Amino acid sequence: MIPPAESLLKYNNPVLVGRNDVKSPKERPLRVGPQQSAITGPVPPPPKTKSASAPGNKKETEEILNAILPPREWMEGNQLWVQQVSSTPCTRMDVIRLEEQLDLKLQQRQARETGLCPVRRELYTQCFDELIRQVTINCAERGLLLLRVRDEIRNTIATYQTLYESSVSFGMRKALQAEEGTSDMEQRISDLEKEKQELKKQVNEQKAKCEATEKRENEKRQVEEKKHTEEMMFLKRTNQQLKAQLEGIIVLKQ
């Protein structure tokens, strides 16, 4: 395994654990990275009295630090290396140096200043863990309280991340549904346009038929009217001739 990358969290020098000291996979606990927030076991109670010896207080502080910030473990060849969090108290210069390292790493890793940025979040998480380490050394209770605050913040961020991912998935589904609906609507519009053109064609054909029929009927009516007029004229002439003949017969009889 590749040794863990440099972190803002201060660690002791790595310690080589021999193969005889390595536990079996069933006995050795799961290796935990420096950025995991869960405490796998019960946190040892902080020292309550100041009468205890200095080595005892340091041991208890180291146990609390190892519970809050688990040691880093990695394999290099066939050798297991373990690196525990440093229990050395910090000074004002250490805090100033931490801020400078944070700014430098943000610049070196090109973290974004605004918006979501995994790099910026990772570096600030390391910085916050280092602050928890520094506070825990001076006051274990305050360090445990900061641990609760850190875990609550992480849970809140995880919840927002889950909500964001679900909202993105919902938006994608809605967008796909809208695209499918748009495609169907465009196809429907195309079909209606074709139907419209077909109906216009039928209307034009019917208009042409109607005009042809009207023209033919007009011509037929004109022929019928002409024929009727000729018949009336013929009947009038015949009537006048018969009338004249009748008058002539009456005159002869008198």
C-alpha atoms as a PDB file:
ATOM      1  CA  MET A   1       0.000   0.000   0.000  1.00  0.00           C
ATOM      2  CA  ILE A   2       1.087   3.588  -0.638  1.00  0.00           C
ATOM      3  CA  PRO A   3       1.839   5.550   2.562  1.00  0.00           C
ATOM      4  CA  PRO A   4      -0.889   8.089   3.394  1.00  0.00           C
ATOM      5  CA  ALA A   5      -0.497  11.574   1.985  1.00  0.00           C
ATOM      6  CA  GLU A   6       0.685  14.484   4.078  1.00  0.00           C
ATOM      7  CA  SER A   7      -2.052  15.879   6.286  1.00  0.00           C
ATOM      8  CA  LEU A   8      -2.615  19.073   8.268  1.00  0.00           C
ATOM      9  CA  LEU A   9      -3.332  16.821  11.242  1.00  0.00           C
ATOM     10  CA  LYS A  10      -0.124  16.426  13.234  1.00  0.00           C
ATOM     11  CA  TYR A  11       1.100  12.835  13.651  1.00  0.00           C
ATOM     12  CA  ASN A  12       3.991  11.236  15.457  1.00  0.00           C
ATOM     13  CA  ASN A  13       6.724   9.543  13.483  1.00  0.00           C
ATOM     14  CA  PRO A  14       5.510   6.248  11.980  1.00  0.00           C
ATOM     15  CA  VAL A  15       6.322   3.122  13.979  1.00  0.00           C
ATOM     16  CA  LEU A  16       7.211  -0.173  12.349  1.00  0.00           C
ATOM     17  CA  VAL A  17       5.191  -3.090  13.662  1.00  0.00           C
ATOM     18  CA  GLY A  18       6.962  -6.404  13.114  1.00  0.00           C
ATOM     19  CA  ARG A  19       5.249  -9.352  11.466  1.00  0.00           C
ATOM     20  CA  ASN A  20       5.147 -11.206  14.799  1.00  0.00           C
ATOM     21  CA  ASP A  21       3.148  -8.319  16.290  1.00  0.00           C
ATOM     22  CA  VAL A  22       0.621  -8.222  13.445  1.00  0.00           C
ATOM     23  CA  LYS A  23      -2.684  -9.711  14.440  1.00  0.00           C
ATOM     24  CA  SER A  24      -4.676 -12.010  12.245  1.00  0.00           C
ATOM     25  CA  PRO A  25      -7.365 -10.425  10.048  1.00  0.00           C
ATOM     26  CA  LYS A  26     -10.021 -11.655  12.461  1.00  0.00           C
ATOM     27  CA  GLU A  27      -8.275 -10.252  15.558  1.00  0.00           C
ATOM     28  CA  ARG A  28      -6.927  -6.957  14.240  1.00  0.00           C
ATOM     29  CA  PRO A  29      -9.476  -4.117  14.134  1.00  0.00           C
ATOM     30  CA  LEU A  30     -10.337  -2.453  10.853  1.00  0.00           C
ATOM     31  CA  ARG A  31      -7.882   0.242   9.856  1.00  0.00           C
ATOM     32  CA  VAL A  32      -9.457   3.680  10.003  1.00  0.00           C
ATOM     33  CA  GLY A  33      -8.287   6.646   7.951  1.00  0.00           C
ATOM     34  CA  PRO A  34      -7.659  10.025   9.523  1.00  0.00           C
ATOM     35  CA  GLN A  35     -10.788  11.577   7.983  1.00  0.00           C
ATOM     36  CA  GLN A  36     -13.351   9.093   9.346  1.00  0.00           C
ATOM     37  CA  SER A  37     -15.585  10.539  11.995  1.00  0.00           C
ATOM     38  CA  ALA A  38     -16.943   7.495  13.767  1.00  0.00           C
ATOM     39  CA  ILE A  39     -15.445   6.400  17.094  1.00  0.00           C
ATOM     40  CA  THR A  40     -15.301   2.615  16.849  1.00  0.00           C
ATOM     41  CA  GLY A  41     -15.134   2.001  20.579  1.00  0.00           C
ATOM     42  CA  PRO A  42     -16.060   3.677  23.816  1.00  0.00           C
ATOM     43  CA  VAL A  43     -14.112   6.849  24.486  1.00  0.00           C
ATOM     44  CA  PRO A  44     -12.012   6.589  27.630  1.00  0.00           C
ATOM     45  CA  PRO A  45     -13.170   9.004  30.292  1.00  0.00           C
ATOM     46  CA  PRO A  46     -11.075  12.162  30.510  1.00  0.00           C
ATOM     47  CA  PRO A  47      -8.884  12.722  33.538  1.00  0.00           C
ATOM     48  CA  LYS A  48     -10.969  14.219  36.335  1.00  0.00           C
ATOM     49  CA  THR A  49      -8.388  15.004  38.974  1.00  0.00           C
ATOM     50  CA  LYS A  50      -5.192  16.919  38.815  1.00  0.00           C
ATOM     51  CA  SER A  51      -3.560  14.744  41.455  1.00  0.00           C
ATOM     52  CA  ALA A  52      -2.813  11.984  38.964  1.00  0.00           C
ATOM     53  CA  SER A  53       0.709  11.577  37.726  1.00  0.00           C
ATOM     54  CA  ALA A  54       1.833  13.279  34.517  1.00  0.00           C
ATOM     55  CA  PRO A  55       2.575   9.981  32.695  1.00  0.00           C
ATOM     56  CA  GLY A  56      -0.910   8.724  33.607  1.00  0.00           C
ATOM     57  CA  ASN A  57      -2.541  11.880  32.290  1.00  0.00           C
ATOM     58  CA  LYS A  58      -0.522  11.657  29.083  1.00  0.00           C
ATOM     59  CA  LYS A  59      -1.525   8.018  28.641  1.00  0.00           C
ATOM     60  CA  GLU A  60      -5.195   8.842  29.094  1.00  0.00           C
ATOM     61  CA  THR A  61      -4.885  11.768  26.682  1.00  0.00           C
ATOM     62  CA  GLU A  62      -3.271   9.497  24.092  1.00  0.00           C
ATOM     63  CA  GLU A  63      -6.091   6.972  24.499  1.00  0.00           C
ATOM     64  CA  ILE A  64      -8.687   9.701  23.993  1.00  0.00           C
ATOM     65  CA  LEU A  65      -6.834  11.032  20.937  1.00  0.00           C
ATOM     66  CA  ASN A  66      -6.557   7.538  19.435  1.00  0.00           C
ATOM     67  CA  ALA A  67     -10.289   7.044  19.984  1.00  0.00           C
ATOM     68  CA  ILE A  68     -11.190  10.403  18.453  1.00  0.00           C
ATOM     69  CA  LEU A  69      -8.578  10.371  15.678  1.00  0.00           C
ATOM     70  CA  PRO A  70      -7.625   6.748  14.932  1.00  0.00           C
ATOM     71  CA  PRO A  71      -4.019   5.984  13.971  1.00  0.00           C
ATOM     72  CA  ARG A  72      -3.081   5.577  10.323  1.00  0.00           C
ATOM     73  CA  GLU A  73      -1.915   2.138   9.195  1.00  0.00           C
ATOM     74  CA  TRP A  74      -0.377   1.018   5.912  1.00  0.00           C
ATOM     75  CA  MET A  75       1.601  -1.860   4.532  1.00  0.00           C
ATOM     76  CA  GLU A  76       4.979  -1.271   2.934  1.00  0.00           C
ATOM     77  CA  GLY A  77       6.282  -4.511   1.561  1.00  0.00           C
ATOM     78  CA  ASN A  78       5.618  -7.093   4.275  1.00  0.00           C
ATOM     79  CA  GLN A  79       5.898  -4.545   7.066  1.00  0.00           C
ATOM     80  CA  LEU A  80       3.056  -2.823   8.860  1.00  0.00           C
ATOM     81  CA  TRP A  81       3.559   0.835   9.730  1.00  0.00           C
ATOM     82  CA  VAL A  82       1.426   2.633  12.322  1.00  0.00           C
ATOM     83  CA  GLN A  83       1.323   6.393  12.818  1.00  0.00           C
ATOM     84  CA  GLN A  84      -0.535   7.795  15.804  1.00  0.00           C
ATOM     85  CA  VAL A  85      -1.787  11.315  16.331  1.00  0.00           C
ATOM     86  CA  SER A  86       0.684  13.483  18.170  1.00  0.00           C
ATOM     87  CA  SER A  87      -0.052  14.250  21.821  1.00  0.00           C
ATOM     88  CA  THR A  88       2.413  17.137  21.992  1.00  0.00           C
ATOM     89  CA  PRO A  89       0.775  20.361  23.207  1.00  0.00           C
ATOM     90  CA  CYS A  90       0.679  23.166  20.689  1.00  0.00           C
ATOM     91  CA  THR A  91       1.836  26.711  20.942  1.00  0.00           C
ATOM     92  CA  ARG A  92       0.652  29.965  19.410  1.00  0.00           C
ATOM     93  CA  MET A  93       3.239  29.552  16.657  1.00  0.00           C
ATOM     94  CA  ASP A  94       1.829  26.092  15.864  1.00  0.00           C
ATOM     95  CA  VAL A  95      -1.605  27.627  15.269  1.00  0.00           C
ATOM     96  CA  ILE A  96      -0.129  30.355  13.057  1.00  0.00           C
ATOM     97  CA  ARG A  97       1.855  27.725  11.140  1.00  0.00           C
ATOM     98  CA  LEU A  98      -1.315  25.643  10.732  1.00  0.00           C
ATOM     99  CA  GLU A  99      -3.106  28.606   9.166  1.00  0.00           C
ATOM    100  CA  GLU A 100      -0.189  29.214   6.818  1.00  0.00           C
ATOM    101  CA  GLN A 101      -0.102  25.545   5.794  1.00  0.00           C
ATOM    102  CA  LEU A 102      -3.857  25.608   5.185  1.00  0.00           C
ATOM    103  CA  ASP A 103      -3.586  28.646   2.902  1.00  0.00           C
ATOM    104  CA  LEU A 104      -0.590  27.125   1.115  1.00  0.00           C
ATOM    105  CA  LYS A 105      -2.309  23.794   0.478  1.00  0.00           C
ATOM    106  CA  LEU A 106      -5.461  25.522  -0.720  1.00  0.00           C
ATOM    107  CA  GLN A 107      -3.338  27.365  -3.246  1.00  0.00           C
ATOM    108  CA  GLN A 108      -1.199  24.379  -4.239  1.00  0.00           C
ATOM    109  CA  ARG A 109      -4.176  22.072  -4.785  1.00  0.00           C
ATOM    110  CA  GLN A 110      -6.110  24.841  -6.570  1.00  0.00           C
ATOM    111  CA  ALA A 111      -9.159  24.654  -4.331  1.00  0.00           C
ATOM    112  CA  ARG A 112     -12.112  26.737  -5.397  1.00  0.00           C
ATOM    113  CA  GLU A 113     -12.956  29.685  -3.167  1.00  0.00           C
ATOM    114  CA  THR A 114     -16.729  29.415  -3.658  1.00  0.00           C
ATOM    115  CA  GLY A 115     -19.222  26.689  -4.398  1.00  0.00           C
ATOM    116  CA  LEU A 116     -18.810  22.978  -3.745  1.00  0.00           C
ATOM    117  CA  CYS A 117     -15.172  21.877  -3.705  1.00  0.00           C
ATOM    118  CA  PRO A 118     -14.079  18.436  -2.361  1.00  0.00           C
ATOM    119  CA  VAL A 119     -10.466  19.617  -2.071  1.00  0.00           C
ATOM    120  CA  ARG A 120     -11.373  22.634   0.073  1.00  0.00           C
ATOM    121  CA  ARG A 121     -13.661  20.529   2.219  1.00  0.00           C
ATOM    122  CA  GLU A 122     -10.940  17.901   2.757  1.00  0.00           C
ATOM    123  CA  LEU A 123      -8.341  20.481   3.800  1.00  0.00           C
ATOM    124  CA  TYR A 124     -10.709  22.265   6.180  1.00  0.00           C
ATOM    125  CA  THR A 125     -11.657  18.895   7.673  1.00  0.00           C
ATOM    126  CA  GLN A 126      -7.990  18.144   8.319  1.00  0.00           C
ATOM    127  CA  CYS A 127      -7.566  21.600   9.852  1.00  0.00           C
ATOM    128  CA  PHE A 128     -10.590  21.091  12.112  1.00  0.00           C
ATOM    129  CA  ASP A 129      -9.276  17.684  13.208  1.00  0.00           C
ATOM    130  CA  GLU A 130      -5.954  19.315  14.079  1.00  0.00           C
ATOM    131  CA  LEU A 131      -7.780  21.934  16.154  1.00  0.00           C
ATOM    132  CA  ILE A 132      -9.678  19.148  17.926  1.00  0.00           C
ATOM    133  CA  ARG A 133      -6.340  17.459  18.668  1.00  0.00           C
ATOM    134  CA  GLN A 134      -4.868  20.655  20.082  1.00  0.00           C
ATOM    135  CA  VAL A 135      -7.933  21.372  22.230  1.00  0.00           C
ATOM    136  CA  THR A 136      -8.184  17.767  23.470  1.00  0.00           C
ATOM    137  CA  ILE A 137      -4.622  17.854  24.786  1.00  0.00           C
ATOM    138  CA  ASN A 138      -5.414  20.897  26.915  1.00  0.00           C
ATOM    139  CA  CYS A 139      -9.003  19.911  27.847  1.00  0.00           C
ATOM    140  CA  ALA A 140     -10.362  16.462  27.012  1.00  0.00           C
ATOM    141  CA  GLU A 141     -13.988  17.444  27.680  1.00  0.00           C
ATOM    142  CA  ARG A 142     -13.770  20.374  25.263  1.00  0.00           C
ATOM    143  CA  GLY A 143     -12.196  18.117  22.654  1.00  0.00           C
ATOM    144  CA  LEU A 144     -15.013  15.563  22.988  1.00  0.00           C
ATOM    145  CA  LEU A 145     -17.565  18.339  22.646  1.00  0.00           C
ATOM    146  CA  LEU A 146     -15.841  19.584  19.491  1.00  0.00           C
ATOM    147  CA  LEU A 147     -15.929  16.001  18.227  1.00  0.00           C
ATOM    148  CA  ARG A 148     -19.714  15.977  18.634  1.00  0.00           C
ATOM    149  CA  VAL A 149     -19.922  19.283  16.779  1.00  0.00           C
ATOM    150  CA  ARG A 150     -17.737  17.918  13.975  1.00  0.00           C
ATOM    151  CA  ASP A 151     -19.794  14.744  13.637  1.00  0.00           C
ATOM    152  CA  GLU A 152     -23.032  16.736  13.608  1.00  0.00           C
ATOM    153  CA  ILE A 153     -21.657  18.976  10.862  1.00  0.00           C
ATOM    154  CA  ARG A 154     -20.598  15.936   8.836  1.00  0.00           C
ATOM    155  CA  ASN A 155     -24.001  14.325   9.276  1.00  0.00           C
ATOM    156  CA  THR A 156     -25.682  17.539   8.175  1.00  0.00           C
ATOM    157  CA  ILE A 157     -23.431  17.802   5.119  1.00  0.00           C
ATOM    158  CA  ALA A 158     -24.064  14.140   4.285  1.00  0.00           C
ATOM    159  CA  THR A 159     -27.809  14.754   4.557  1.00  0.00           C
ATOM    160  CA  TYR A 160     -27.591  17.779   2.274  1.00  0.00           C
ATOM    161  CA  GLN A 161     -25.459  15.779  -0.140  1.00  0.00           C
ATOM    162  CA  THR A 162     -28.012  12.973  -0.223  1.00  0.00           C
ATOM    163  CA  LEU A 163     -30.794  15.524  -0.696  1.00  0.00           C
ATOM    164  CA  TYR A 164     -28.809  17.204  -3.488  1.00  0.00           C
ATOM    165  CA  GLU A 165     -28.163  13.899  -5.260  1.00  0.00           C
ATOM    166  CA  SER A 166     -31.819  12.891  -4.978  1.00  0.00           C
ATOM    167  CA  SER A 167     -32.928  16.301  -6.271  1.00  0.00           C
ATOM    168  CA  VAL A 168     -30.491  16.012  -9.177  1.00  0.00           C
ATOM    169  CA  SER A 169     -31.836  12.544  -9.976  1.00  0.00           C
ATOM    170  CA  PHE A 170     -35.394  13.859  -9.751  1.00  0.00           C
ATOM    171  CA  GLY A 171     -34.513  16.776 -12.019  1.00  0.00           C
ATOM    172  CA  MET A 172     -32.884  14.449 -14.534  1.00  0.00           C
ATOM    173  CA  ARG A 173     -35.936  12.201 -14.557  1.00  0.00           C
ATOM    174  CA  LYS A 174     -38.204  15.192 -15.073  1.00  0.00           C
ATOM    175  CA  ALA A 175     -35.950  16.499 -17.834  1.00  0.00           C
ATOM    176  CA  LEU A 176     -35.987  13.120 -19.580  1.00  0.00           C
ATOM    177  CA  GLN A 177     -39.756  12.940 -19.214  1.00  0.00           C
ATOM    178  CA  ALA A 178     -40.033  16.460 -20.611  1.00  0.00           C
ATOM    179  CA  GLU A 179     -37.808  15.509 -23.548  1.00  0.00           C
ATOM    180  CA  GLU A 180     -39.901  12.413 -24.189  1.00  0.00           C
ATOM    181  CA  GLY A 181     -43.081  14.507 -23.939  1.00  0.00           C
ATOM    182  CA  THR A 182     -41.561  17.101 -26.270  1.00  0.00           C
ATOM    183  CA  SER A 183     -40.689  14.432 -28.797  1.00  0.00           C
ATOM    184  CA  ASP A 184     -44.197  13.009 -28.638  1.00  0.00           C
ATOM    185  CA  MET A 185     -45.670  16.486 -28.918  1.00  0.00           C
ATOM    186  CA  GLU A 186     -43.488  17.301 -31.925  1.00  0.00           C
ATOM    187  CA  GLN A 187     -44.557  14.051 -33.576  1.00  0.00           C
ATOM    188  CA  ARG A 188     -48.197  14.876 -32.802  1.00  0.00           C
ATOM    189  CA  ILE A 189     -47.762  18.359 -34.300  1.00  0.00           C
ATOM    190  CA  SER A 190     -46.163  16.865 -37.413  1.00  0.00           C
ATOM    191  CA  ASP A 191     -49.038  14.392 -37.800  1.00  0.00           C
ATOM    192  CA  LEU A 192     -51.595  17.170 -37.348  1.00  0.00           C
ATOM    193  CA  GLU A 193     -49.822  19.322 -39.943  1.00  0.00           C
ATOM    194  CA  LYS A 194     -49.942  16.443 -42.409  1.00  0.00           C
ATOM    195  CA  GLU A 195     -53.612  15.883 -41.618  1.00  0.00           C
ATOM    196  CA  LYS A 196     -54.231  19.613 -42.088  1.00  0.00           C
ATOM    197  CA  GLN A 197     -52.571  19.598 -45.510  1.00  0.00           C
ATOM    198  CA  GLU A 198     -54.571  16.543 -46.501  1.00  0.00           C
ATOM    199  CA  LEU A 199     -57.822  18.182 -45.396  1.00  0.00           C
ATOM    200  CA  LYS A 200     -56.929  21.353 -47.314  1.00  0.00           C
ATOM    201  CA  LYS A 201     -56.347  19.244 -50.380  1.00  0.00           C
ATOM    202  CA  GLN A 202     -59.725  17.570 -49.941  1.00  0.00           C
ATOM    203  CA  VAL A 203     -61.400  20.962 -49.441  1.00  0.00           C
ATOM    204  CA  ASN A 204     -59.850  22.276 -52.652  1.00  0.00           C
ATOM    205  CA  GLU A 205     -60.968  19.178 -54.517  1.00  0.00           C
ATOM    206  CA  GLN A 206     -64.505  19.546 -53.185  1.00  0.00           C
ATOM    207  CA  LYS A 207     -64.535  23.231 -54.123  1.00  0.00           C
ATOM    208  CA  ALA A 208     -63.432  22.361 -57.631  1.00  0.00           C
ATOM    209  CA  LYS A 209     -66.138  19.717 -57.882  1.00  0.00           C
ATOM    210  CA  CYS A 210     -68.740  22.147 -56.548  1.00  0.00           C
ATOM    211  CA  GLU A 211     -67.727  24.847 -59.058  1.00  0.00           C
ATOM    212  CA  ALA A 212     -67.792  22.335 -61.900  1.00  0.00           C
ATOM    213  CA  THR A 213     -71.204  21.078 -60.838  1.00  0.00           C
ATOM    214  CA  GLU A 214     -72.536  24.632 -60.494  1.00  0.00           C
ATOM    215  CA  LYS A 215     -71.212  25.569 -63.928  1.00  0.00           C
ATOM    216  CA  ARG A 216     -72.721  22.471 -65.480  1.00  0.00           C
ATOM    217  CA  GLU A 217     -76.076  23.105 -63.837  1.00  0.00           C
ATOM    218  CA  ASN A 218     -76.046  26.725 -64.975  1.00  0.00           C
ATOM    219  CA  GLU A 219     -75.425  25.660 -68.558  1.00  0.00           C
ATOM    220  CA  LYS A 220     -78.175  23.054 -68.296  1.00  0.00           C
ATOM    221  CA  ARG A 221     -80.582  25.608 -66.848  1.00  0.00           C
ATOM    222  CA  GLN A 222     -79.802  28.054 -69.624  1.00  0.00           C
ATOM    223  CA  VAL A 223     -80.511  25.358 -72.206  1.00  0.00           C
ATOM    224  CA  GLU A 224     -83.752  24.467 -70.487  1.00  0.00           C
ATOM    225  CA  GLU A 225     -84.792  28.115 -70.290  1.00  0.00           C
ATOM    226  CA  LYS A 226     -84.025  28.616 -73.993  1.00  0.00           C
ATOM    227  CA  LYS A 227     -85.996  25.542 -74.910  1.00  0.00           C
ATOM    228  CA  HIS A 228     -88.883  26.638 -72.714  1.00  0.00           C
ATOM    229  CA  THR A 229     -88.841  30.106 -74.302  1.00  0.00           C
ATOM    230  CA  GLU A 230     -88.906  28.635 -77.799  1.00  0.00           C
ATOM    231  CA  GLU A 231     -91.799  26.363 -76.860  1.00  0.00           C
ATOM    232  CA  MET A 232     -93.747  29.320 -75.450  1.00  0.00           C
ATOM    233  CA  MET A 233     -93.155  31.348 -78.614  1.00  0.00           C
ATOM    234  CA  PHE A 234     -94.272  28.408 -80.727  1.00  0.00           C
ATOM    235  CA  LEU A 235     -97.407  27.962 -78.647  1.00  0.00           C
ATOM    236  CA  LYS A 236     -98.167  31.682 -78.834  1.00  0.00           C
ATOM    237  CA  ARG A 237     -97.848  31.673 -82.613  1.00  0.00           C
ATOM    238  CA  THR A 238     -99.984  28.581 -82.850  1.00  0.00           C
ATOM    239  CA  ASN A 239    -102.567  30.146 -80.567  1.00  0.00           C
ATOM    240  CA  GLN A 240    -102.665  33.319 -82.679  1.00  0.00           C
ATOM    241  CA  GLN A 241    -103.043  31.299 -85.872  1.00  0.00           C
ATOM    242  CA  LEU A 242    -105.859  29.244 -84.415  1.00  0.00           C
ATOM    243  CA  LYS A 243    -107.528  32.380 -83.109  1.00  0.00           C
ATOM    244  CA  ALA A 244    -107.304  33.994 -86.507  1.00  0.00           C
ATOM    245  CA  GLN A 245    -108.753  30.907 -88.212  1.00  0.00           C
ATOM    246  CA  LEU A 246    -111.568  30.789 -85.680  1.00  0.00           C
ATOM    247  CA  GLU A 247    -112.423  34.423 -86.250  1.00  0.00           C
ATOM    248  CA  GLY A 248    -112.416  33.883 -90.006  1.00  0.00           C
ATOM    249  CA  ILE A 249    -114.806  30.948 -89.692  1.00  0.00           C
ATOM    250  CA  ILE A 250    -117.166  32.978 -87.504  1.00  0.00           C
ATOM    251  CA  VAL A 251    -117.143  35.806 -90.004  1.00  0.00           C
ATOM    252  CA  LEU A 252    -117.990  33.459 -92.915  1.00  0.00           C
ATOM    253  CA  LYS A 253    -120.942  31.999 -91.076  1.00  0.00           C
ATOM    254  CA  GLN A 254    -122.458  35.371 -90.430  1.00  0.00           C
END
